[in-house]
Amino acid sequence: MSYNFEEQEQIAQLRHFWERWGTQISAGVLAVALGFAGYYGWQWWQRNEGVKAAAVFEQVQVALQSNSPDKIQQAWAVMQSKAPGSAYAGMAALAVAKALHDAGKNAEAITILQWAADHAEGKSERAVARLNLSALQIDAKQYADAAKTLAEVPEPTFAALFDLRRGDLAALQGQRDAARQAYEAALKALPAESSERAAVQQRLQAVGGGAA
């Protein structure tokens, strides 16, 4: 096949351009393609993992209904193994810990709540886990551990409950000044119409605080 001079010049320019920039262009196209593939692949993976996690969560619910601590712990072990990073894991941990606590297995409940406090996906689940964990630690007279558990508030809407629990912890240890400060902070954080204010006020007065 023959080309006229203008066509040959255009081909030469194109060849020169491709030799100069072809690798970068190919890499850019590949990166965009991989980006799209990665995005849709990630979407598929998330949906697939969500279905798996939901199925495992159902197993946990069935185990909870059995009231068998052994079955409940086995179902929780499956959740930790197959879907620890799912939103279901945090909810399952709270339910499993309560069931084990009710069955008198407080050490096991503490371990699960510690996991939820550190690893649950949702901030609310982490906050509830910390509150429940601190309650069990206080019951076990693990006061230093309870103080560490209450040091961080994962979700600001739970601030008043954390202050209240800190006040209870301080009061149990005879730290009246610290208890007063915590109860006052709880009252400040609670809405004016909150039903919890009366109970907090009673605690405050018990450690020498005034009416708020």
C-alpha atoms as a PDB file:
ATOM      1  CA  MET A   1       0.000   0.000   0.000  1.00  0.00           C
ATOM      2  CA  SER A   2       1.312   3.434  -0.902  1.00  0.00           C
ATOM      3  CA  TYR A   3       0.858   6.685   1.006  1.00  0.00           C
ATOM      4  CA  ASN A   4       1.220  10.191  -0.198  1.00  0.00           C
ATOM      5  CA  PHE A   5       3.807  12.432   1.359  1.00  0.00           C
ATOM      6  CA  GLU A   6       1.346  14.146   3.748  1.00  0.00           C
ATOM      7  CA  GLU A   7       0.078  10.811   5.033  1.00  0.00           C
ATOM      8  CA  GLN A   8       3.628   9.560   5.532  1.00  0.00           C
ATOM      9  CA  GLU A   9       4.476  12.701   7.493  1.00  0.00           C
ATOM     10  CA  GLN A  10       1.412  12.283   9.716  1.00  0.00           C
ATOM     11  CA  ILE A  11       2.310   8.640  10.321  1.00  0.00           C
ATOM     12  CA  ALA A  12       5.867   9.629  11.223  1.00  0.00           C
ATOM     13  CA  GLN A  13       4.591  12.269  13.648  1.00  0.00           C
ATOM     14  CA  LEU A  14       2.179   9.792  15.192  1.00  0.00           C
ATOM     15  CA  ARG A  15       4.946   7.195  15.535  1.00  0.00           C
ATOM     16  CA  HIS A  16       7.217   9.760  17.177  1.00  0.00           C
ATOM     17  CA  PHE A  17       4.429  10.861  19.532  1.00  0.00           C
ATOM     18  CA  TRP A  18       3.656   7.269  20.508  1.00  0.00           C
ATOM     19  CA  GLU A  19       7.319   6.459  21.075  1.00  0.00           C
ATOM     20  CA  ARG A  20       7.573   9.552  23.276  1.00  0.00           C
ATOM     21  CA  TRP A  21       4.331   9.218  25.222  1.00  0.00           C
ATOM     22  CA  GLY A  22       2.898   5.786  24.478  1.00  0.00           C
ATOM     23  CA  THR A  23       4.076   4.122  27.678  1.00  0.00           C
ATOM     24  CA  GLN A  24       2.622   6.848  29.878  1.00  0.00           C
ATOM     25  CA  ILE A  25      -0.667   6.841  27.959  1.00  0.00           C
ATOM     26  CA  SER A  26      -0.943   3.072  28.198  1.00  0.00           C
ATOM     27  CA  ALA A  27      -0.205   3.220  31.899  1.00  0.00           C
ATOM     28  CA  GLY A  28      -2.847   5.908  32.394  1.00  0.00           C
ATOM     29  CA  VAL A  29      -5.489   3.956  30.502  1.00  0.00           C
ATOM     30  CA  LEU A  30      -4.587   0.839  32.457  1.00  0.00           C
ATOM     31  CA  ALA A  31      -4.814   2.722  35.746  1.00  0.00           C
ATOM     32  CA  VAL A  32      -8.267   4.060  34.852  1.00  0.00           C
ATOM     33  CA  ALA A  33      -9.403   0.607  33.771  1.00  0.00           C
ATOM     34  CA  LEU A  34      -8.092  -0.956  36.932  1.00  0.00           C
ATOM     35  CA  GLY A  35      -9.736   1.816  38.934  1.00  0.00           C
ATOM     36  CA  PHE A  36     -13.144   1.026  37.457  1.00  0.00           C
ATOM     37  CA  ALA A  37     -12.562  -2.692  37.854  1.00  0.00           C
ATOM     38  CA  GLY A  38     -11.446  -2.184  41.438  1.00  0.00           C
ATOM     39  CA  TYR A  39     -14.459  -0.012  42.257  1.00  0.00           C
ATOM     40  CA  TYR A  40     -17.007  -2.447  40.896  1.00  0.00           C
ATOM     41  CA  GLY A  41     -15.053  -5.368  42.325  1.00  0.00           C
ATOM     42  CA  TRP A  42     -15.110  -3.697  45.745  1.00  0.00           C
ATOM     43  CA  GLN A  43     -18.844  -3.081  45.456  1.00  0.00           C
ATOM     44  CA  TRP A  44     -19.418  -6.747  44.612  1.00  0.00           C
ATOM     45  CA  TRP A  45     -17.145  -7.868  47.434  1.00  0.00           C
ATOM     46  CA  GLN A  46     -18.958  -5.701  49.971  1.00  0.00           C
ATOM     47  CA  ARG A  47     -22.359  -7.031  48.900  1.00  0.00           C
ATOM     48  CA  ASN A  48     -21.087 -10.592  49.001  1.00  0.00           C
ATOM     49  CA  GLU A  49     -19.492 -10.143  52.428  1.00  0.00           C
ATOM     50  CA  GLY A  50     -22.636  -8.442  53.717  1.00  0.00           C
ATOM     51  CA  VAL A  51     -24.721 -11.459  52.746  1.00  0.00           C
ATOM     52  CA  LYS A  52     -22.261 -13.780  54.488  1.00  0.00           C
ATOM     53  CA  ALA A  53     -22.225 -11.636  57.629  1.00  0.00           C
ATOM     54  CA  ALA A  54     -26.025 -11.548  57.750  1.00  0.00           C
ATOM     55  CA  ALA A  55     -26.123 -15.332  57.537  1.00  0.00           C
ATOM     56  CA  VAL A  56     -23.634 -15.664  60.398  1.00  0.00           C
ATOM     57  CA  PHE A  57     -25.630 -13.143  62.450  1.00  0.00           C
ATOM     58  CA  GLU A  58     -28.700 -15.336  62.012  1.00  0.00           C
ATOM     59  CA  GLN A  59     -26.711 -18.231  63.445  1.00  0.00           C
ATOM     60  CA  VAL A  60     -25.864 -16.074  66.464  1.00  0.00           C
ATOM     61  CA  GLN A  61     -29.532 -15.202  66.953  1.00  0.00           C
ATOM     62  CA  VAL A  62     -30.511 -18.878  66.821  1.00  0.00           C
ATOM     63  CA  ALA A  63     -27.825 -19.681  69.391  1.00  0.00           C
ATOM     64  CA  LEU A  64     -29.051 -16.887  71.661  1.00  0.00           C
ATOM     65  CA  GLN A  65     -32.557 -18.322  71.599  1.00  0.00           C
ATOM     66  CA  SER A  66     -31.195 -21.688  72.704  1.00  0.00           C
ATOM     67  CA  ASN A  67     -29.976 -20.172  76.013  1.00  0.00           C
ATOM     68  CA  SER A  68     -26.977 -22.490  75.774  1.00  0.00           C
ATOM     69  CA  PRO A  69     -23.728 -20.693  76.665  1.00  0.00           C
ATOM     70  CA  ASP A  70     -21.704 -23.262  74.721  1.00  0.00           C
ATOM     71  CA  LYS A  71     -23.754 -22.785  71.538  1.00  0.00           C
ATOM     72  CA  ILE A  72     -23.667 -19.007  71.972  1.00  0.00           C
ATOM     73  CA  GLN A  73     -19.889 -18.996  72.297  1.00  0.00           C
ATOM     74  CA  GLN A  74     -19.534 -21.296  69.287  1.00  0.00           C
ATOM     75  CA  ALA A  75     -21.707 -18.976  67.178  1.00  0.00           C
ATOM     76  CA  TRP A  76     -19.667 -15.980  68.338  1.00  0.00           C
ATOM     77  CA  ALA A  77     -16.463 -17.777  67.355  1.00  0.00           C
ATOM     78  CA  VAL A  78     -17.885 -18.230  63.852  1.00  0.00           C
ATOM     79  CA  MET A  79     -18.744 -14.513  63.672  1.00  0.00           C
ATOM     80  CA  GLN A  80     -15.213 -13.573  64.721  1.00  0.00           C
ATOM     81  CA  SER A  81     -13.770 -15.959  62.166  1.00  0.00           C
ATOM     82  CA  LYS A  82     -15.953 -15.146  59.159  1.00  0.00           C
ATOM     83  CA  ALA A  83     -17.215 -11.569  59.583  1.00  0.00           C
ATOM     84  CA  PRO A  84     -15.253  -9.681  62.262  1.00  0.00           C
ATOM     85  CA  GLY A  85     -15.219  -6.445  60.281  1.00  0.00           C
ATOM     86  CA  SER A  86     -18.931  -6.345  59.510  1.00  0.00           C
ATOM     87  CA  ALA A  87     -21.530  -4.104  61.132  1.00  0.00           C
ATOM     88  CA  TYR A  88     -23.199  -7.267  62.404  1.00  0.00           C
ATOM     89  CA  ALA A  89     -20.188  -8.209  64.531  1.00  0.00           C
ATOM     90  CA  GLY A  90     -20.599  -5.305  66.953  1.00  0.00           C
ATOM     91  CA  MET A  91     -24.305  -5.977  67.438  1.00  0.00           C
ATOM     92  CA  ALA A  92     -23.641  -9.688  67.895  1.00  0.00           C
ATOM     93  CA  ALA A  93     -20.933  -8.986  70.471  1.00  0.00           C
ATOM     94  CA  LEU A  94     -23.271  -6.893  72.627  1.00  0.00           C
ATOM     95  CA  ALA A  95     -26.016  -9.520  72.520  1.00  0.00           C
ATOM     96  CA  VAL A  96     -23.632 -12.412  73.164  1.00  0.00           C
ATOM     97  CA  ALA A  97     -21.953 -10.613  76.068  1.00  0.00           C
ATOM     98  CA  LYS A  98     -25.316  -9.942  77.723  1.00  0.00           C
ATOM     99  CA  ALA A  99     -26.353 -13.577  77.314  1.00  0.00           C
ATOM    100  CA  LEU A 100     -23.096 -14.817  78.815  1.00  0.00           C
ATOM    101  CA  HIS A 101     -23.353 -12.337  81.687  1.00  0.00           C
ATOM    102  CA  ASP A 102     -26.893 -13.533  82.399  1.00  0.00           C
ATOM    103  CA  ALA A 103     -25.520 -17.090  82.418  1.00  0.00           C
ATOM    104  CA  GLY A 104     -22.923 -16.118  85.029  1.00  0.00           C
ATOM    105  CA  LYS A 105     -19.989 -16.189  82.613  1.00  0.00           C
ATOM    106  CA  ASN A 106     -18.703 -12.702  83.383  1.00  0.00           C
ATOM    107  CA  ALA A 107     -15.088 -13.353  82.400  1.00  0.00           C
ATOM    108  CA  GLU A 108     -16.189 -14.448  78.928  1.00  0.00           C
ATOM    109  CA  ALA A 109     -18.554 -11.481  78.677  1.00  0.00           C
ATOM    110  CA  ILE A 110     -15.738  -9.096  79.609  1.00  0.00           C
ATOM    111  CA  THR A 111     -13.512 -10.538  76.887  1.00  0.00           C
ATOM    112  CA  ILE A 112     -16.196 -10.096  74.232  1.00  0.00           C
ATOM    113  CA  LEU A 113     -17.076  -6.571  75.358  1.00  0.00           C
ATOM    114  CA  GLN A 114     -13.389  -5.649  75.250  1.00  0.00           C
ATOM    115  CA  TRP A 115     -13.296  -6.858  71.657  1.00  0.00           C
ATOM    116  CA  ALA A 116     -16.387  -4.831  70.793  1.00  0.00           C
ATOM    117  CA  ALA A 117     -15.007  -1.735  72.544  1.00  0.00           C
ATOM    118  CA  ASP A 118     -11.885  -1.923  70.392  1.00  0.00           C
ATOM    119  CA  HIS A 119     -13.165  -3.326  67.092  1.00  0.00           C
ATOM    120  CA  ALA A 120     -16.901  -2.777  66.575  1.00  0.00           C
ATOM    121  CA  GLU A 121     -17.531  -0.878  63.350  1.00  0.00           C
ATOM    122  CA  GLY A 122     -20.125   1.529  64.744  1.00  0.00           C
ATOM    123  CA  LYS A 123     -19.240   4.241  67.264  1.00  0.00           C
ATOM    124  CA  SER A 124     -22.497   3.658  69.121  1.00  0.00           C
ATOM    125  CA  GLU A 125     -21.733  -0.050  69.499  1.00  0.00           C
ATOM    126  CA  ARG A 126     -18.246   0.786  70.783  1.00  0.00           C
ATOM    127  CA  ALA A 127     -19.702   3.262  73.288  1.00  0.00           C
ATOM    128  CA  VAL A 128     -22.292   0.792  74.595  1.00  0.00           C
ATOM    129  CA  ALA A 129     -19.620  -1.899  74.793  1.00  0.00           C
ATOM    130  CA  ARG A 130     -17.415   0.373  76.902  1.00  0.00           C
ATOM    131  CA  LEU A 131     -20.259   1.260  79.249  1.00  0.00           C
ATOM    132  CA  ASN A 132     -21.249  -2.373  79.720  1.00  0.00           C
ATOM    133  CA  LEU A 133     -17.621  -3.439  80.051  1.00  0.00           C
ATOM    134  CA  SER A 134     -16.966  -0.824  82.731  1.00  0.00           C
ATOM    135  CA  ALA A 135     -20.027  -2.040  84.678  1.00  0.00           C
ATOM    136  CA  LEU A 136     -18.689  -5.607  84.747  1.00  0.00           C
ATOM    137  CA  GLN A 137     -15.208  -4.387  85.647  1.00  0.00           C
ATOM    138  CA  ILE A 138     -16.607  -2.325  88.525  1.00  0.00           C
ATOM    139  CA  ASP A 139     -18.599  -5.339  89.754  1.00  0.00           C
ATOM    140  CA  ALA A 140     -15.356  -7.329  89.685  1.00  0.00           C
ATOM    141  CA  LYS A 141     -13.593  -4.486  91.551  1.00  0.00           C
ATOM    142  CA  GLN A 142     -11.273  -3.987  88.577  1.00  0.00           C
ATOM    143  CA  TYR A 143     -11.325  -0.252  89.176  1.00  0.00           C
ATOM    144  CA  ALA A 144      -8.140   0.629  87.286  1.00  0.00           C
ATOM    145  CA  ASP A 145      -9.353  -1.286  84.229  1.00  0.00           C
ATOM    146  CA  ALA A 146     -12.757   0.403  84.447  1.00  0.00           C
ATOM    147  CA  ALA A 147     -11.087   3.834  84.533  1.00  0.00           C
ATOM    148  CA  LYS A 148      -9.169   2.985  81.352  1.00  0.00           C
ATOM    149  CA  THR A 149     -12.342   1.731  79.687  1.00  0.00           C
ATOM    150  CA  LEU A 150     -14.140   4.990  80.477  1.00  0.00           C
ATOM    151  CA  ALA A 151     -11.262   7.225  79.394  1.00  0.00           C
ATOM    152  CA  GLU A 152     -12.447   7.380  75.782  1.00  0.00           C
ATOM    153  CA  VAL A 153     -15.954   8.318  74.622  1.00  0.00           C
ATOM    154  CA  PRO A 154     -16.347   6.935  71.072  1.00  0.00           C
ATOM    155  CA  GLU A 155     -19.673   8.719  70.471  1.00  0.00           C
ATOM    156  CA  PRO A 156     -20.303  12.235  71.931  1.00  0.00           C
ATOM    157  CA  THR A 157     -24.020  11.546  72.460  1.00  0.00           C
ATOM    158  CA  PHE A 158     -22.995   9.082  75.193  1.00  0.00           C
ATOM    159  CA  ALA A 159     -20.894  11.650  77.084  1.00  0.00           C
ATOM    160  CA  ALA A 160     -23.387  12.082  79.945  1.00  0.00           C
ATOM    161  CA  LEU A 161     -23.586   8.324  80.541  1.00  0.00           C
ATOM    162  CA  PHE A 162     -19.788   8.093  80.618  1.00  0.00           C
ATOM    163  CA  ASP A 163     -19.622  10.961  83.124  1.00  0.00           C
ATOM    164  CA  LEU A 164     -22.257   9.246  85.253  1.00  0.00           C
ATOM    165  CA  ARG A 165     -20.322   5.978  85.243  1.00  0.00           C
ATOM    166  CA  ARG A 166     -17.097   7.823  86.084  1.00  0.00           C
ATOM    167  CA  GLY A 167     -18.889   9.417  89.008  1.00  0.00           C
ATOM    168  CA  ASP A 168     -20.081   6.033  90.245  1.00  0.00           C
ATOM    169  CA  LEU A 169     -16.560   4.638  89.946  1.00  0.00           C
ATOM    170  CA  ALA A 170     -15.061   7.554  91.861  1.00  0.00           C
ATOM    171  CA  ALA A 171     -17.740   7.354  94.561  1.00  0.00           C
ATOM    172  CA  LEU A 172     -17.077   3.639  95.093  1.00  0.00           C
ATOM    173  CA  GLN A 173     -13.418   4.457  95.678  1.00  0.00           C
ATOM    174  CA  GLY A 174     -14.198   7.244  98.123  1.00  0.00           C
ATOM    175  CA  GLN A 175     -13.033   9.948  95.716  1.00  0.00           C
ATOM    176  CA  ARG A 176     -15.786  12.436  96.518  1.00  0.00           C
ATOM    177  CA  ASP A 177     -14.309  15.432  94.682  1.00  0.00           C
ATOM    178  CA  ALA A 178     -13.818  13.424  91.487  1.00  0.00           C
ATOM    179  CA  ALA A 179     -17.323  11.983  91.853  1.00  0.00           C
ATOM    180  CA  ARG A 180     -18.843  15.471  92.249  1.00  0.00           C
ATOM    181  CA  GLN A 181     -17.044  16.727  89.151  1.00  0.00           C
ATOM    182  CA  ALA A 182     -18.202  13.746  87.115  1.00  0.00           C
ATOM    183  CA  TYR A 183     -21.832  14.044  88.246  1.00  0.00           C
ATOM    184  CA  GLU A 184     -21.835  17.786  87.581  1.00  0.00           C
ATOM    185  CA  ALA A 185     -20.483  17.123  84.080  1.00  0.00           C
ATOM    186  CA  ALA A 186     -23.217  14.538  83.546  1.00  0.00           C
ATOM    187  CA  LEU A 187     -25.915  17.010  84.596  1.00  0.00           C
ATOM    188  CA  LYS A 188     -24.460  19.625  82.285  1.00  0.00           C
ATOM    189  CA  ALA A 189     -24.492  17.203  79.349  1.00  0.00           C
ATOM    190  CA  LEU A 190     -28.015  15.870  79.953  1.00  0.00           C
ATOM    191  CA  PRO A 191     -30.946  17.655  78.288  1.00  0.00           C
ATOM    192  CA  ALA A 192     -33.176  19.622  80.668  1.00  0.00           C
ATOM    193  CA  GLU A 193     -36.077  17.233  80.028  1.00  0.00           C
ATOM    194  CA  SER A 194     -34.054  14.069  80.585  1.00  0.00           C
ATOM    195  CA  SER A 195     -35.535  11.575  83.045  1.00  0.00           C
ATOM    196  CA  GLU A 196     -31.991  10.735  84.179  1.00  0.00           C
ATOM    197  CA  ARG A 197     -31.407  14.127  85.788  1.00  0.00           C
ATOM    198  CA  ALA A 198     -33.154  13.267  89.073  1.00  0.00           C
ATOM    199  CA  ALA A 199     -31.029  10.137  89.589  1.00  0.00           C
ATOM    200  CA  VAL A 200     -27.823  12.039  88.808  1.00  0.00           C
ATOM    201  CA  GLN A 201     -28.886  14.840  91.164  1.00  0.00           C
ATOM    202  CA  GLN A 202     -29.366  12.326  93.972  1.00  0.00           C
ATOM    203  CA  ARG A 203     -25.898  10.906  93.365  1.00  0.00           C
ATOM    204  CA  LEU A 204     -24.419  14.401  93.350  1.00  0.00           C
ATOM    205  CA  GLN A 205     -26.022  15.283  96.662  1.00  0.00           C
ATOM    206  CA  ALA A 206     -24.812  11.977  98.157  1.00  0.00           C
ATOM    207  CA  VAL A 207     -21.191  13.029  97.558  1.00  0.00           C
ATOM    208  CA  GLY A 208     -21.697  16.519  98.923  1.00  0.00           C
ATOM    209  CA  GLY A 209     -22.769  18.345  95.780  1.00  0.00           C
ATOM    210  CA  GLY A 210     -25.396  21.062  95.697  1.00  0.00           C
ATOM    211  CA  ALA A 211     -28.627  21.297  93.756  1.00  0.00           C
ATOM    212  CA  ALA A 212     -28.235  22.070  90.072  1.00  0.00           C
END
